[in-house]
């Protein structure tokens, strides 16, 4: 069982730059064995720019804006 919720808009800085991103929190499982993660989605990139799970943090390292549609 997982429960995801949007939290708030934040300006986040990662190695690829600074982005306006929506933070999404997800709780996996229930009770004392539950875990959670956080992800930051940047519409300008159309992808997650940061993913945080327990002690692991993964950041977007580079991004080049193009003519994506």
C-alpha atoms as a PDB file:
ATOM      1  CA  UNK A   1       0.000   0.000   0.000  1.00  0.00           C
ATOM      2  CA  UNK A   2       1.282   3.473  -0.903  1.00  0.00           C
ATOM      3  CA  UNK A   3      -0.141   6.917  -0.301  1.00  0.00           C
ATOM      4  CA  UNK A   4       1.220   9.868  -2.306  1.00  0.00           C
ATOM      5  CA  UNK A   5       0.420  13.505  -1.648  1.00  0.00           C
ATOM      6  CA  UNK A   6       1.561  16.734  -3.172  1.00  0.00           C
ATOM      7  CA  UNK A   7       3.046  18.910  -0.500  1.00  0.00           C
ATOM      8  CA  UNK A   8       4.095  22.330  -1.769  1.00  0.00           C
ATOM      9  CA  UNK A   9       5.935  24.255  -4.457  1.00  0.00           C
ATOM     10  CA  UNK A  10       9.585  24.945  -3.710  1.00  0.00           C
ATOM     11  CA  UNK A  11      12.587  26.437  -5.442  1.00  0.00           C
ATOM     12  CA  UNK A  12      15.189  23.684  -5.375  1.00  0.00           C
ATOM     13  CA  UNK A  13      18.852  23.830  -6.337  1.00  0.00           C
ATOM     14  CA  UNK A  14      20.515  20.702  -7.726  1.00  0.00           C
ATOM     15  CA  UNK A  15      23.741  20.297  -9.761  1.00  0.00           C
ATOM     16  CA  UNK A  16      21.711  20.859 -12.969  1.00  0.00           C
ATOM     17  CA  UNK A  17      20.526  24.273 -11.749  1.00  0.00           C
ATOM     18  CA  UNK A  18      17.694  25.945  -9.873  1.00  0.00           C
ATOM     19  CA  UNK A  19      14.111  24.847 -10.558  1.00  0.00           C
ATOM     20  CA  UNK A  20      10.612  25.567  -9.338  1.00  0.00           C
ATOM     21  CA  UNK A  21       9.369  22.126  -8.290  1.00  0.00           C
ATOM     22  CA  UNK A  22       6.393  20.451  -6.659  1.00  0.00           C
ATOM     23  CA  UNK A  23       7.329  18.225  -3.714  1.00  0.00           C
ATOM     24  CA  UNK A  24       5.510  14.869  -3.588  1.00  0.00           C
ATOM     25  CA  UNK A  25       5.643  12.710  -0.471  1.00  0.00           C
ATOM     26  CA  UNK A  26       4.857   8.993  -0.594  1.00  0.00           C
ATOM     27  CA  UNK A  27       4.356   6.629   2.352  1.00  0.00           C
ATOM     28  CA  UNK A  28       4.882   2.936   1.589  1.00  0.00           C
ATOM     29  CA  UNK A  29       3.354   0.340   3.902  1.00  0.00           C
ATOM     30  CA  UNK A  30       1.759   0.897   7.264  1.00  0.00           C
ATOM     31  CA  UNK A  31       2.665   0.917  10.918  1.00  0.00           C
ATOM     32  CA  UNK A  32       6.187   0.646  12.263  1.00  0.00           C
ATOM     33  CA  UNK A  33       7.474  -0.887   9.018  1.00  0.00           C
ATOM     34  CA  UNK A  34       6.393   1.988   6.786  1.00  0.00           C
ATOM     35  CA  UNK A  35       8.919   3.974   4.779  1.00  0.00           C
ATOM     36  CA  UNK A  36       8.589   7.230   2.923  1.00  0.00           C
ATOM     37  CA  UNK A  37      10.196   9.074   0.075  1.00  0.00           C
ATOM     38  CA  UNK A  38      10.130  12.578  -1.333  1.00  0.00           C
ATOM     39  CA  UNK A  39      10.363  13.626  -4.970  1.00  0.00           C
ATOM     40  CA  UNK A  40      10.544  17.063  -6.545  1.00  0.00           C
ATOM     41  CA  UNK A  41       8.930  17.413  -9.985  1.00  0.00           C
ATOM     42  CA  UNK A  42       9.898  20.391 -12.163  1.00  0.00           C
ATOM     43  CA  UNK A  43       7.443  21.111 -15.001  1.00  0.00           C
ATOM     44  CA  UNK A  44      10.148  22.994 -16.920  1.00  0.00           C
ATOM     45  CA  UNK A  45      12.173  19.758 -17.112  1.00  0.00           C
ATOM     46  CA  UNK A  46       9.157  17.435 -17.261  1.00  0.00           C
ATOM     47  CA  UNK A  47      10.930  15.126 -14.823  1.00  0.00           C
ATOM     48  CA  UNK A  48      11.953  14.594 -11.216  1.00  0.00           C
ATOM     49  CA  UNK A  49      14.901  16.814 -10.289  1.00  0.00           C
ATOM     50  CA  UNK A  50      15.461  15.277  -6.830  1.00  0.00           C
ATOM     51  CA  UNK A  51      14.549  11.938  -5.287  1.00  0.00           C
ATOM     52  CA  UNK A  52      15.099  11.285  -1.582  1.00  0.00           C
ATOM     53  CA  UNK A  53      14.641   7.880   0.074  1.00  0.00           C
ATOM     54  CA  UNK A  54      16.000   7.165   3.552  1.00  0.00           C
ATOM     55  CA  UNK A  55      19.675   8.230   3.440  1.00  0.00           C
ATOM     56  CA  UNK A  56      19.818   8.281  -0.380  1.00  0.00           C
ATOM     57  CA  UNK A  57      19.450  11.501  -2.357  1.00  0.00           C
ATOM     58  CA  UNK A  58      19.576  11.525  -6.155  1.00  0.00           C
ATOM     59  CA  UNK A  59      19.771  14.866  -7.962  1.00  0.00           C
ATOM     60  CA  UNK A  60      19.472  15.811 -11.597  1.00  0.00           C
ATOM     61  CA  UNK A  61      23.048  16.471 -12.692  1.00  0.00           C
ATOM     62  CA  UNK A  62      22.529  18.173 -16.063  1.00  0.00           C
ATOM     63  CA  UNK A  63      19.711  19.473 -18.200  1.00  0.00           C
ATOM     64  CA  UNK A  64      19.592  21.171 -21.577  1.00  0.00           C
ATOM     65  CA  UNK A  65      16.374  22.887 -22.577  1.00  0.00           C
ATOM     66  CA  UNK A  66      15.194  21.964 -26.041  1.00  0.00           C
ATOM     67  CA  UNK A  67      12.129  22.131 -28.229  1.00  0.00           C
ATOM     68  CA  UNK A  68      10.297  19.281 -26.500  1.00  0.00           C
ATOM     69  CA  UNK A  69       6.560  19.307 -27.096  1.00  0.00           C
END
